[in-house]
mmCIF file of all heavy atoms, coordinates in Angstrom:
data_MODEL
# 
_entry.id   MODEL 
# 
loop_
_atom_site.group_PDB 
_atom_site.id 
_atom_site.type_symbol 
_atom_site.label_atom_id 
_atom_site.label_alt_id 
_atom_site.label_comp_id 
_atom_site.label_asym_id 
_atom_site.label_entity_id 
_atom_site.label_seq_id 
_atom_site.pdbx_PDB_ins_code 
_atom_site.Cartn_x 
_atom_site.Cartn_y 
_atom_site.Cartn_z 
_atom_site.occupancy 
_atom_site.B_iso_or_equiv 
_atom_site.pdbx_formal_charge 
_atom_site.auth_seq_id 
_atom_site.auth_comp_id 
_atom_site.auth_asym_id 
_atom_site.auth_atom_id 
_atom_site.pdbx_PDB_model_num 
ATOM 1   N N   . ASN A 1 1  ? 95.961  -188.693 -124.678 1.00 0.00 ? 1  ASN A N   1 
ATOM 2   C CA  . ASN A 1 1  ? 96.350  -188.471 -123.244 1.00 0.00 ? 1  ASN A CA  1 
ATOM 3   C C   . ASN A 1 1  ? 95.140  -188.752 -122.291 1.00 0.00 ? 1  ASN A C   1 
ATOM 4   O O   . ASN A 1 1  ? 93.971  -188.414 -122.702 1.00 0.00 ? 1  ASN A O   1 
ATOM 5   C CB  . ASN A 1 1  ? 96.818  -187.092 -123.050 1.00 0.00 ? 1  ASN A CB  1 
ATOM 6   C CG  . ASN A 1 1  ? 97.446  -186.859 -121.726 1.00 0.00 ? 1  ASN A CG  1 
ATOM 7   O OD1 . ASN A 1 1  ? 96.722  -186.749 -120.654 1.00 0.00 ? 1  ASN A OD1 1 
ATOM 8   N ND2 . ASN A 1 1  ? 98.739  -186.896 -121.664 1.00 0.00 ? 1  ASN A ND2 1 
ATOM 9   N N   . HIS A 1 2  ? 95.345  -189.375 -121.216 1.00 0.00 ? 2  HIS A N   1 
ATOM 10  C CA  . HIS A 1 2  ? 94.321  -189.712 -120.307 1.00 0.00 ? 2  HIS A CA  1 
ATOM 11  C C   . HIS A 1 2  ? 93.569  -188.480 -119.751 1.00 0.00 ? 2  HIS A C   1 
ATOM 12  O O   . HIS A 1 2  ? 92.324  -188.542 -119.449 1.00 0.00 ? 2  HIS A O   1 
ATOM 13  C CB  . HIS A 1 2  ? 94.798  -190.491 -119.089 1.00 0.00 ? 2  HIS A CB  1 
ATOM 14  C CG  . HIS A 1 2  ? 93.707  -191.039 -118.372 1.00 0.00 ? 2  HIS A CG  1 
ATOM 15  N ND1 . HIS A 1 2  ? 93.209  -190.483 -117.164 1.00 0.00 ? 2  HIS A ND1 1 
ATOM 16  C CD2 . HIS A 1 2  ? 93.048  -192.287 -118.447 1.00 0.00 ? 2  HIS A CD2 1 
ATOM 17  C CE1 . HIS A 1 2  ? 92.168  -191.226 -116.714 1.00 0.00 ? 2  HIS A CE1 1 
ATOM 18  N NE2 . HIS A 1 2  ? 92.115  -192.288 -117.408 1.00 0.00 ? 2  HIS A NE2 1 
ATOM 19  N N   . GLU A 1 3  ? 94.255  -187.302 -119.720 1.00 0.00 ? 3  GLU A N   1 
ATOM 20  C CA  . GLU A 1 3  ? 93.578  -186.100 -119.236 1.00 0.00 ? 3  GLU A CA  1 
ATOM 21  C C   . GLU A 1 3  ? 92.798  -185.392 -120.368 1.00 0.00 ? 3  GLU A C   1 
ATOM 22  O O   . GLU A 1 3  ? 92.101  -184.366 -120.127 1.00 0.00 ? 3  GLU A O   1 
ATOM 23  C CB  . GLU A 1 3  ? 94.692  -185.147 -118.775 1.00 0.00 ? 3  GLU A CB  1 
ATOM 24  C CG  . GLU A 1 3  ? 95.531  -185.662 -117.621 1.00 0.00 ? 3  GLU A CG  1 
ATOM 25  C CD  . GLU A 1 3  ? 94.677  -186.185 -116.368 1.00 0.00 ? 3  GLU A CD  1 
ATOM 26  O OE1 . GLU A 1 3  ? 93.807  -185.399 -116.030 1.00 0.00 ? 3  GLU A OE1 1 
ATOM 27  O OE2 . GLU A 1 3  ? 94.865  -187.291 -115.987 1.00 0.00 ? 3  GLU A OE2 1 
ATOM 28  N N   . SER A 1 4  ? 92.674  -185.970 -121.529 1.00 0.00 ? 4  SER A N   1 
ATOM 29  C CA  . SER A 1 4  ? 91.903  -185.356 -122.667 1.00 0.00 ? 4  SER A CA  1 
ATOM 30  C C   . SER A 1 4  ? 90.464  -185.463 -122.327 1.00 0.00 ? 4  SER A C   1 
ATOM 31  O O   . SER A 1 4  ? 89.977  -186.317 -121.504 1.00 0.00 ? 4  SER A O   1 
ATOM 32  C CB  . SER A 1 4  ? 92.245  -185.993 -123.959 1.00 0.00 ? 4  SER A CB  1 
ATOM 33  O OG  . SER A 1 4  ? 91.806  -187.339 -123.941 1.00 0.00 ? 4  SER A OG  1 
ATOM 34  N N   . ASN A 1 5  ? 89.648  -184.671 -122.972 1.00 0.00 ? 5  ASN A N   1 
ATOM 35  C CA  . ASN A 1 5  ? 88.153  -184.650 -122.778 1.00 0.00 ? 5  ASN A CA  1 
ATOM 36  C C   . ASN A 1 5  ? 87.537  -185.646 -123.648 1.00 0.00 ? 5  ASN A C   1 
ATOM 37  O O   . ASN A 1 5  ? 86.787  -185.318 -124.565 1.00 0.00 ? 5  ASN A O   1 
ATOM 38  C CB  . ASN A 1 5  ? 87.670  -183.180 -123.102 1.00 0.00 ? 5  ASN A CB  1 
ATOM 39  C CG  . ASN A 1 5  ? 86.239  -183.005 -122.572 1.00 0.00 ? 5  ASN A CG  1 
ATOM 40  O OD1 . ASN A 1 5  ? 85.797  -183.710 -121.737 1.00 0.00 ? 5  ASN A OD1 1 
ATOM 41  N ND2 . ASN A 1 5  ? 85.593  -182.080 -123.073 1.00 0.00 ? 5  ASN A ND2 1 
ATOM 42  N N   . HIS A 1 6  ? 87.805  -186.983 -123.383 1.00 0.00 ? 6  HIS A N   1 
ATOM 43  C CA  . HIS A 1 6  ? 87.158  -188.018 -124.123 1.00 0.00 ? 6  HIS A CA  1 
ATOM 44  C C   . HIS A 1 6  ? 86.496  -188.948 -123.050 1.00 0.00 ? 6  HIS A C   1 
ATOM 45  O O   . HIS A 1 6  ? 86.923  -189.030 -121.919 1.00 0.00 ? 6  HIS A O   1 
ATOM 46  C CB  . HIS A 1 6  ? 88.180  -188.835 -124.939 1.00 0.00 ? 6  HIS A CB  1 
ATOM 47  C CG  . HIS A 1 6  ? 88.586  -188.109 -126.109 1.00 0.00 ? 6  HIS A CG  1 
ATOM 48  N ND1 . HIS A 1 6  ? 89.605  -187.079 -126.153 1.00 0.00 ? 6  HIS A ND1 1 
ATOM 49  C CD2 . HIS A 1 6  ? 88.275  -188.266 -127.439 1.00 0.00 ? 6  HIS A CD2 1 
ATOM 50  C CE1 . HIS A 1 6  ? 89.794  -186.604 -127.333 1.00 0.00 ? 6  HIS A CE1 1 
ATOM 51  N NE2 . HIS A 1 6  ? 89.011  -187.345 -128.158 1.00 0.00 ? 6  HIS A NE2 1 
ATOM 52  N N   . HIS A 1 7  ? 85.522  -189.679 -123.549 1.00 0.00 ? 7  HIS A N   1 
ATOM 53  C CA  . HIS A 1 7  ? 84.785  -190.559 -122.656 1.00 0.00 ? 7  HIS A CA  1 
ATOM 54  C C   . HIS A 1 7  ? 85.753  -191.716 -122.156 1.00 0.00 ? 7  HIS A C   1 
ATOM 55  O O   . HIS A 1 7  ? 86.682  -192.120 -122.925 1.00 0.00 ? 7  HIS A O   1 
ATOM 56  C CB  . HIS A 1 7  ? 83.565  -191.256 -123.273 1.00 0.00 ? 7  HIS A CB  1 
ATOM 57  C CG  . HIS A 1 7  ? 82.654  -191.925 -122.468 1.00 0.00 ? 7  HIS A CG  1 
ATOM 58  N ND1 . HIS A 1 7  ? 82.794  -193.212 -122.034 1.00 0.00 ? 7  HIS A ND1 1 
ATOM 59  C CD2 . HIS A 1 7  ? 81.565  -191.404 -121.839 1.00 0.00 ? 7  HIS A CD2 1 
ATOM 60  C CE1 . HIS A 1 7  ? 81.889  -193.541 -121.271 1.00 0.00 ? 7  HIS A CE1 1 
ATOM 61  N NE2 . HIS A 1 7  ? 80.951  -192.418 -121.084 1.00 0.00 ? 7  HIS A NE2 1 
ATOM 62  N N   . GLN A 1 8  ? 85.563  -192.218 -121.036 1.00 0.00 ? 8  GLN A N   1 
ATOM 63  C CA  . GLN A 1 8  ? 86.389  -193.203 -120.344 1.00 0.00 ? 8  GLN A CA  1 
ATOM 64  C C   . GLN A 1 8  ? 86.430  -194.522 -121.352 1.00 0.00 ? 8  GLN A C   1 
ATOM 65  O O   . GLN A 1 8  ? 87.440  -195.213 -121.347 1.00 0.00 ? 8  GLN A O   1 
ATOM 66  C CB  . GLN A 1 8  ? 85.927  -193.662 -118.969 1.00 0.00 ? 8  GLN A CB  1 
ATOM 67  C CG  . GLN A 1 8  ? 86.312  -192.708 -117.911 1.00 0.00 ? 8  GLN A CG  1 
ATOM 68  C CD  . GLN A 1 8  ? 87.843  -192.641 -117.770 1.00 0.00 ? 8  GLN A CD  1 
ATOM 69  O OE1 . GLN A 1 8  ? 88.497  -191.706 -118.109 1.00 0.00 ? 8  GLN A OE1 1 
ATOM 70  N NE2 . GLN A 1 8  ? 88.491  -193.756 -117.225 1.00 0.00 ? 8  GLN A NE2 1 
ATOM 71  N N   . SER A 1 9  ? 85.356  -194.778 -121.910 1.00 0.00 ? 9  SER A N   1 
ATOM 72  C CA  . SER A 1 9  ? 85.211  -195.966 -122.829 1.00 0.00 ? 9  SER A CA  1 
ATOM 73  C C   . SER A 1 9  ? 86.200  -195.805 -124.016 1.00 0.00 ? 9  SER A C   1 
ATOM 74  O O   . SER A 1 9  ? 86.827  -196.891 -124.406 1.00 0.00 ? 9  SER A O   1 
ATOM 75  C CB  . SER A 1 9  ? 83.809  -196.260 -123.313 1.00 0.00 ? 9  SER A CB  1 
ATOM 76  O OG  . SER A 1 9  ? 83.457  -195.183 -124.198 1.00 0.00 ? 9  SER A OG  1 
ATOM 77  N N   . THR A 1 10 ? 86.449  -194.590 -124.481 1.00 0.00 ? 10 THR A N   1 
ATOM 78  C CA  . THR A 1 10 ? 87.456  -194.409 -125.533 1.00 0.00 ? 10 THR A CA  1 
ATOM 79  C C   . THR A 1 10 ? 88.836  -194.687 -125.033 1.00 0.00 ? 10 THR A C   1 
ATOM 80  O O   . THR A 1 10 ? 89.734  -195.355 -125.663 1.00 0.00 ? 10 THR A O   1 
ATOM 81  C CB  . THR A 1 10 ? 87.334  -192.999 -126.147 1.00 0.00 ? 10 THR A CB  1 
ATOM 82  O OG1 . THR A 1 10 ? 85.999  -192.774 -126.572 1.00 0.00 ? 10 THR A OG1 1 
ATOM 83  C CG2 . THR A 1 10 ? 88.311  -192.772 -127.181 1.00 0.00 ? 10 THR A CG2 1 
ATOM 84  N N   . LYS A 1 11 ? 89.029  -194.282 -123.792 1.00 0.00 ? 11 LYS A N   1 
ATOM 85  C CA  . LYS A 1 11 ? 90.512  -194.479 -123.213 1.00 0.00 ? 11 LYS A CA  1 
ATOM 86  C C   . LYS A 1 11 ? 90.663  -195.954 -122.890 1.00 0.00 ? 11 LYS A C   1 
ATOM 87  O O   . LYS A 1 11 ? 91.794  -196.512 -123.140 1.00 0.00 ? 11 LYS A O   1 
ATOM 88  C CB  . LYS A 1 11 ? 90.544  -193.600 -121.897 1.00 0.00 ? 11 LYS A CB  1 
ATOM 89  C CG  . LYS A 1 11 ? 90.476  -192.100 -122.274 1.00 0.00 ? 11 LYS A CG  1 
ATOM 90  C CD  . LYS A 1 11 ? 90.349  -191.332 -120.998 1.00 0.00 ? 11 LYS A CD  1 
ATOM 91  C CE  . LYS A 1 11 ? 90.064  -189.894 -121.335 1.00 0.00 ? 11 LYS A CE  1 
ATOM 92  N NZ  . LYS A 1 11 ? 89.887  -189.030 -120.217 1.00 0.00 ? 11 LYS A NZ  1 
ATOM 93  N N   . ARG A 1 12 ? 89.610  -196.587 -122.336 1.00 0.00 ? 12 ARG A N   1 
ATOM 94  C CA  . ARG A 1 12 ? 89.857  -198.045 -122.149 1.00 0.00 ? 12 ARG A CA  1 
ATOM 95  C C   . ARG A 1 12 ? 89.934  -198.797 -123.505 1.00 0.00 ? 12 ARG A C   1 
ATOM 96  O O   . ARG A 1 12 ? 90.719  -199.783 -123.632 1.00 0.00 ? 12 ARG A O   1 
ATOM 97  C CB  . ARG A 1 12 ? 88.624  -198.632 -121.463 1.00 0.00 ? 12 ARG A CB  1 
ATOM 98  C CG  . ARG A 1 12 ? 88.640  -198.336 -119.927 1.00 0.00 ? 12 ARG A CG  1 
ATOM 99  C CD  . ARG A 1 12 ? 87.512  -199.137 -119.217 1.00 0.00 ? 12 ARG A CD  1 
ATOM 100 N NE  . ARG A 1 12 ? 86.269  -198.941 -119.657 1.00 0.00 ? 12 ARG A NE  1 
ATOM 101 C CZ  . ARG A 1 12 ? 85.431  -197.943 -119.270 1.00 0.00 ? 12 ARG A CZ  1 
ATOM 102 N NH1 . ARG A 1 12 ? 85.850  -197.052 -118.349 1.00 0.00 ? 12 ARG A NH1 1 
ATOM 103 N NH2 . ARG A 1 12 ? 84.207  -197.753 -119.753 1.00 0.00 ? 12 ARG A NH2 1 
ATOM 104 N N   . GLY A 1 13 ? 89.307  -198.308 -124.517 1.00 0.00 ? 13 GLY A N   1 
ATOM 105 C CA  . GLY A 1 13 ? 89.393  -198.891 -125.858 1.00 0.00 ? 13 GLY A CA  1 
ATOM 106 C C   . GLY A 1 13 ? 90.837  -198.812 -126.368 1.00 0.00 ? 13 GLY A C   1 
ATOM 107 O O   . GLY A 1 13 ? 91.286  -199.774 -127.070 1.00 0.00 ? 13 GLY A O   1 
ATOM 108 N N   . ILE A 1 14 ? 91.521  -197.752 -126.147 1.00 0.00 ? 14 ILE A N   1 
ATOM 109 C CA  . ILE A 1 14 ? 92.918  -197.656 -126.596 1.00 0.00 ? 14 ILE A CA  1 
ATOM 110 C C   . ILE A 1 14 ? 93.773  -198.713 -125.861 1.00 0.00 ? 14 ILE A C   1 
ATOM 111 O O   . ILE A 1 14 ? 94.573  -199.399 -126.586 1.00 0.00 ? 14 ILE A O   1 
ATOM 112 C CB  . ILE A 1 14 ? 93.475  -196.251 -126.208 1.00 0.00 ? 14 ILE A CB  1 
ATOM 113 C CG1 . ILE A 1 14 ? 92.796  -195.253 -127.157 1.00 0.00 ? 14 ILE A CG1 1 
ATOM 114 C CG2 . ILE A 1 14 ? 95.004  -196.195 -126.285 1.00 0.00 ? 14 ILE A CG2 1 
ATOM 115 C CD1 . ILE A 1 14 ? 93.062  -193.791 -126.838 1.00 0.00 ? 14 ILE A CD1 1 
ATOM 116 N N   . ILE A 1 15 ? 93.554  -198.934 -124.580 1.00 0.00 ? 15 ILE A N   1 
ATOM 117 C CA  . ILE A 1 15 ? 94.322  -199.947 -123.800 1.00 0.00 ? 15 ILE A CA  1 
ATOM 118 C C   . ILE A 1 15 ? 93.948  -201.348 -124.457 1.00 0.00 ? 15 ILE A C   1 
ATOM 119 O O   . ILE A 1 15 ? 94.841  -202.119 -124.709 1.00 0.00 ? 15 ILE A O   1 
ATOM 120 C CB  . ILE A 1 15 ? 93.973  -199.885 -122.281 1.00 0.00 ? 15 ILE A CB  1 
ATOM 121 C CG1 . ILE A 1 15 ? 94.289  -198.555 -121.729 1.00 0.00 ? 15 ILE A CG1 1 
ATOM 122 C CG2 . ILE A 1 15 ? 94.706  -201.024 -121.612 1.00 0.00 ? 15 ILE A CG2 1 
ATOM 123 C CD1 . ILE A 1 15 ? 93.819  -198.373 -120.344 1.00 0.00 ? 15 ILE A CD1 1 
ATOM 124 N N   . LYS A 1 16 ? 92.665  -201.596 -124.625 1.00 0.00 ? 16 LYS A N   1 
ATOM 125 C CA  . LYS A 1 16 ? 92.232  -202.930 -125.141 1.00 0.00 ? 16 LYS A CA  1 
ATOM 126 C C   . LYS A 1 16 ? 92.839  -203.241 -126.582 1.00 0.00 ? 16 LYS A C   1 
ATOM 127 O O   . LYS A 1 16 ? 93.305  -204.268 -126.868 1.00 0.00 ? 16 LYS A O   1 
ATOM 128 C CB  . LYS A 1 16 ? 90.698  -202.982 -125.199 1.00 0.00 ? 16 LYS A CB  1 
ATOM 129 C CG  . LYS A 1 16 ? 90.006  -203.084 -123.891 1.00 0.00 ? 16 LYS A CG  1 
ATOM 130 C CD  . LYS A 1 16 ? 88.540  -202.999 -124.010 1.00 0.00 ? 16 LYS A CD  1 
ATOM 131 C CE  . LYS A 1 16 ? 87.809  -202.928 -122.729 1.00 0.00 ? 16 LYS A CE  1 
ATOM 132 N NZ  . LYS A 1 16 ? 86.369  -202.831 -122.815 1.00 0.00 ? 16 LYS A NZ  1 
ATOM 133 N N   . THR A 1 17 ? 92.815  -202.180 -127.424 1.00 0.00 ? 17 THR A N   1 
ATOM 134 C CA  . THR A 1 17 ? 93.384  -202.333 -128.744 1.00 0.00 ? 17 THR A CA  1 
ATOM 135 C C   . THR A 1 17 ? 94.807  -202.622 -128.766 1.00 0.00 ? 17 THR A C   1 
ATOM 136 O O   . THR A 1 17 ? 95.275  -203.554 -129.443 1.00 0.00 ? 17 THR A O   1 
ATOM 137 C CB  . THR A 1 17 ? 93.076  -201.027 -129.573 1.00 0.00 ? 17 THR A CB  1 
ATOM 138 O OG1 . THR A 1 17 ? 91.704  -200.859 -129.635 1.00 0.00 ? 17 THR A OG1 1 
ATOM 139 C CG2 . THR A 1 17 ? 93.735  -201.223 -130.944 1.00 0.00 ? 17 THR A CG2 1 
ATOM 140 N N   . LEU A 1 18 ? 95.570  -201.899 -127.895 1.00 0.00 ? 18 LEU A N   1 
ATOM 141 C CA  . LEU A 1 18 ? 97.071  -202.210 -127.840 1.00 0.00 ? 18 LEU A CA  1 
ATOM 142 C C   . LEU A 1 18 ? 97.281  -203.603 -127.330 1.00 0.00 ? 18 LEU A C   1 
ATOM 143 O O   . LEU A 1 18 ? 98.172  -204.389 -127.661 1.00 0.00 ? 18 LEU A O   1 
ATOM 144 C CB  . LEU A 1 18 ? 97.723  -201.157 -126.972 1.00 0.00 ? 18 LEU A CB  1 
ATOM 145 C CG  . LEU A 1 18 ? 97.759  -199.784 -127.510 1.00 0.00 ? 18 LEU A CG  1 
ATOM 146 C CD1 . LEU A 1 18 ? 98.311  -198.727 -126.526 1.00 0.00 ? 18 LEU A CD1 1 
ATOM 147 C CD2 . LEU A 1 18 ? 98.603  -199.727 -128.811 1.00 0.00 ? 18 LEU A CD2 1 
ATOM 148 N N   . LEU A 1 19 ? 96.466  -204.008 -126.261 1.00 0.00 ? 19 LEU A N   1 
ATOM 149 C CA  . LEU A 1 19 ? 96.677  -205.340 -125.613 1.00 0.00 ? 19 LEU A CA  1 
ATOM 150 C C   . LEU A 1 19 ? 96.225  -206.413 -126.675 1.00 0.00 ? 19 LEU A C   1 
ATOM 151 O O   . LEU A 1 19 ? 96.947  -207.427 -126.816 1.00 0.00 ? 19 LEU A O   1 
ATOM 152 C CB  . LEU A 1 19 ? 95.764  -205.518 -124.404 1.00 0.00 ? 19 LEU A CB  1 
ATOM 153 C CG  . LEU A 1 19 ? 96.282  -204.661 -123.227 1.00 0.00 ? 19 LEU A CG  1 
ATOM 154 C CD1 . LEU A 1 19 ? 95.225  -204.721 -122.028 1.00 0.00 ? 19 LEU A CD1 1 
ATOM 155 C CD2 . LEU A 1 19 ? 97.646  -205.008 -122.714 1.00 0.00 ? 19 LEU A CD2 1 
ATOM 156 N N   . ASP A 1 20 ? 95.137  -206.225 -127.338 1.00 0.00 ? 20 ASP A N   1 
ATOM 157 C CA  . ASP A 1 20 ? 94.705  -207.207 -128.347 1.00 0.00 ? 20 ASP A CA  1 
ATOM 158 C C   . ASP A 1 20 ? 95.760  -207.416 -129.477 1.00 0.00 ? 20 ASP A C   1 
ATOM 159 O O   . ASP A 1 20 ? 96.007  -208.580 -129.923 1.00 0.00 ? 20 ASP A O   1 
ATOM 160 C CB  . ASP A 1 20 ? 93.351  -206.809 -129.011 1.00 0.00 ? 20 ASP A CB  1 
ATOM 161 C CG  . ASP A 1 20 ? 92.145  -206.978 -127.980 1.00 0.00 ? 20 ASP A CG  1 
ATOM 162 O OD1 . ASP A 1 20 ? 92.416  -207.691 -126.918 1.00 0.00 ? 20 ASP A OD1 1 
ATOM 163 O OD2 . ASP A 1 20 ? 91.071  -206.539 -128.287 1.00 0.00 ? 20 ASP A OD2 1 
ATOM 164 N N   . ARG A 1 21 ? 96.361  -206.296 -129.864 1.00 0.00 ? 21 ARG A N   1 
ATOM 165 C CA  . ARG A 1 21 ? 97.398  -206.374 -130.892 1.00 0.00 ? 21 ARG A CA  1 
ATOM 166 C C   . ARG A 1 21 ? 98.529  -207.211 -130.426 1.00 0.00 ? 21 ARG A C   1 
ATOM 167 O O   . ARG A 1 21 ? 99.210  -208.040 -131.075 1.00 0.00 ? 21 ARG A O   1 
ATOM 168 C CB  . ARG A 1 21 ? 97.802  -204.975 -131.297 1.00 0.00 ? 21 ARG A CB  1 
ATOM 169 C CG  . ARG A 1 21 ? 98.905  -205.022 -132.420 1.00 0.00 ? 21 ARG A CG  1 
ATOM 170 C CD  . ARG A 1 21 ? 99.277  -203.657 -132.915 1.00 0.00 ? 21 ARG A CD  1 
ATOM 171 N NE  . ARG A 1 21 ? 99.938  -202.852 -131.912 1.00 0.00 ? 21 ARG A NE  1 
ATOM 172 C CZ  . ARG A 1 21 ? 100.650 -201.821 -132.252 1.00 0.00 ? 21 ARG A CZ  1 
ATOM 173 N NH1 . ARG A 1 21 ? 100.728 -201.243 -133.427 1.00 0.00 ? 21 ARG A NH1 1 
ATOM 174 N NH2 . ARG A 1 21 ? 101.286 -201.188 -131.257 1.00 0.00 ? 21 ARG A NH2 1 
ATOM 175 N N   . ALA A 1 22 ? 99.003  -206.949 -129.103 1.00 0.00 ? 22 ALA A N   1 
ATOM 176 C CA  . ALA A 1 22 ? 100.050 -207.638 -128.499 1.00 0.00 ? 22 ALA A CA  1 
ATOM 177 C C   . ALA A 1 22 ? 99.772  -209.205 -128.435 1.00 0.00 ? 22 ALA A C   1 
ATOM 178 O O   . ALA A 1 22 ? 100.565 -210.014 -128.840 1.00 0.00 ? 22 ALA A O   1 
ATOM 179 C CB  . ALA A 1 22 ? 100.398 -207.134 -127.117 1.00 0.00 ? 22 ALA A CB  1 
ATOM 180 N N   . PHE A 1 23 ? 98.560  -209.528 -127.923 1.00 0.00 ? 23 PHE A N   1 
ATOM 181 C CA  . PHE A 1 23 ? 98.199  -210.882 -127.832 1.00 0.00 ? 23 PHE A CA  1 
ATOM 182 C C   . PHE A 1 23 ? 98.115  -211.508 -129.249 1.00 0.00 ? 23 PHE A C   1 
ATOM 183 O O   . PHE A 1 23 ? 98.359  -212.764 -129.284 1.00 0.00 ? 23 PHE A O   1 
ATOM 184 C CB  . PHE A 1 23 ? 96.886  -211.069 -127.116 1.00 0.00 ? 23 PHE A CB  1 
ATOM 185 C CG  . PHE A 1 23 ? 96.988  -210.855 -125.639 1.00 0.00 ? 23 PHE A CG  1 
ATOM 186 C CD1 . PHE A 1 23 ? 96.169  -209.862 -124.983 1.00 0.00 ? 23 PHE A CD1 1 
ATOM 187 C CD2 . PHE A 1 23 ? 97.852  -211.499 -124.816 1.00 0.00 ? 23 PHE A CD2 1 
ATOM 188 C CE1 . PHE A 1 23 ? 96.347  -209.572 -123.586 1.00 0.00 ? 23 PHE A CE1 1 
ATOM 189 C CE2 . PHE A 1 23 ? 97.996  -211.241 -123.434 1.00 0.00 ? 23 PHE A CE2 1 
ATOM 190 C CZ  . PHE A 1 23 ? 97.193  -210.281 -122.850 1.00 0.00 ? 23 PHE A CZ  1 
ATOM 191 N N   . GLY A 1 24 ? 97.604  -210.826 -130.184 1.00 0.00 ? 24 GLY A N   1 
ATOM 192 C CA  . GLY A 1 24 ? 97.399  -211.409 -131.518 1.00 0.00 ? 24 GLY A CA  1 
ATOM 193 C C   . GLY A 1 24 ? 98.755  -211.528 -132.308 1.00 0.00 ? 24 GLY A C   1 
ATOM 194 O O   . GLY A 1 24 ? 98.818  -212.537 -133.124 1.00 0.00 ? 24 GLY A O   1 
ATOM 195 N N   . LEU A 1 25 ? 99.700  -210.752 -132.076 1.00 0.00 ? 25 LEU A N   1 
ATOM 196 C CA  . LEU A 1 25 ? 100.978 -210.687 -132.889 1.00 0.00 ? 25 LEU A CA  1 
ATOM 197 C C   . LEU A 1 25 ? 102.121 -211.367 -132.221 1.00 0.00 ? 25 LEU A C   1 
ATOM 198 O O   . LEU A 1 25 ? 103.031 -211.898 -132.981 1.00 0.00 ? 25 LEU A O   1 
ATOM 199 C CB  . LEU A 1 25 ? 101.294 -209.270 -133.323 1.00 0.00 ? 25 LEU A CB  1 
ATOM 200 C CG  . LEU A 1 25 ? 100.303 -208.465 -134.172 1.00 0.00 ? 25 LEU A CG  1 
ATOM 201 C CD1 . LEU A 1 25 ? 100.870 -207.124 -134.578 1.00 0.00 ? 25 LEU A CD1 1 
ATOM 202 C CD2 . LEU A 1 25 ? 99.927  -209.263 -135.396 1.00 0.00 ? 25 LEU A CD2 1 
ATOM 203 N N   . CYS A 1 26 ? 102.223 -211.413 -130.986 1.00 0.00 ? 26 CYS A N   1 
ATOM 204 C CA  . CYS A 1 26 ? 103.482 -211.973 -130.287 1.00 0.00 ? 26 CYS A CA  1 
ATOM 205 C C   . CYS A 1 26 ? 103.230 -213.502 -130.077 1.00 0.00 ? 26 CYS A C   1 
ATOM 206 O O   . CYS A 1 26 ? 102.349 -213.889 -129.393 1.00 0.00 ? 26 CYS A O   1 
ATOM 207 C CB  . CYS A 1 26 ? 103.658 -211.280 -128.905 1.00 0.00 ? 26 CYS A CB  1 
ATOM 208 S SG  . CYS A 1 26 ? 103.955 -209.446 -129.084 1.00 0.00 ? 26 CYS A SG  1 
# 
């Protein structure tokens, strides 16, 4: 969850990972 107490880079990393998987598999 974006409201969790994690660094912003971790949250951006989740977005990047999901996007990279989409670009790589579709």
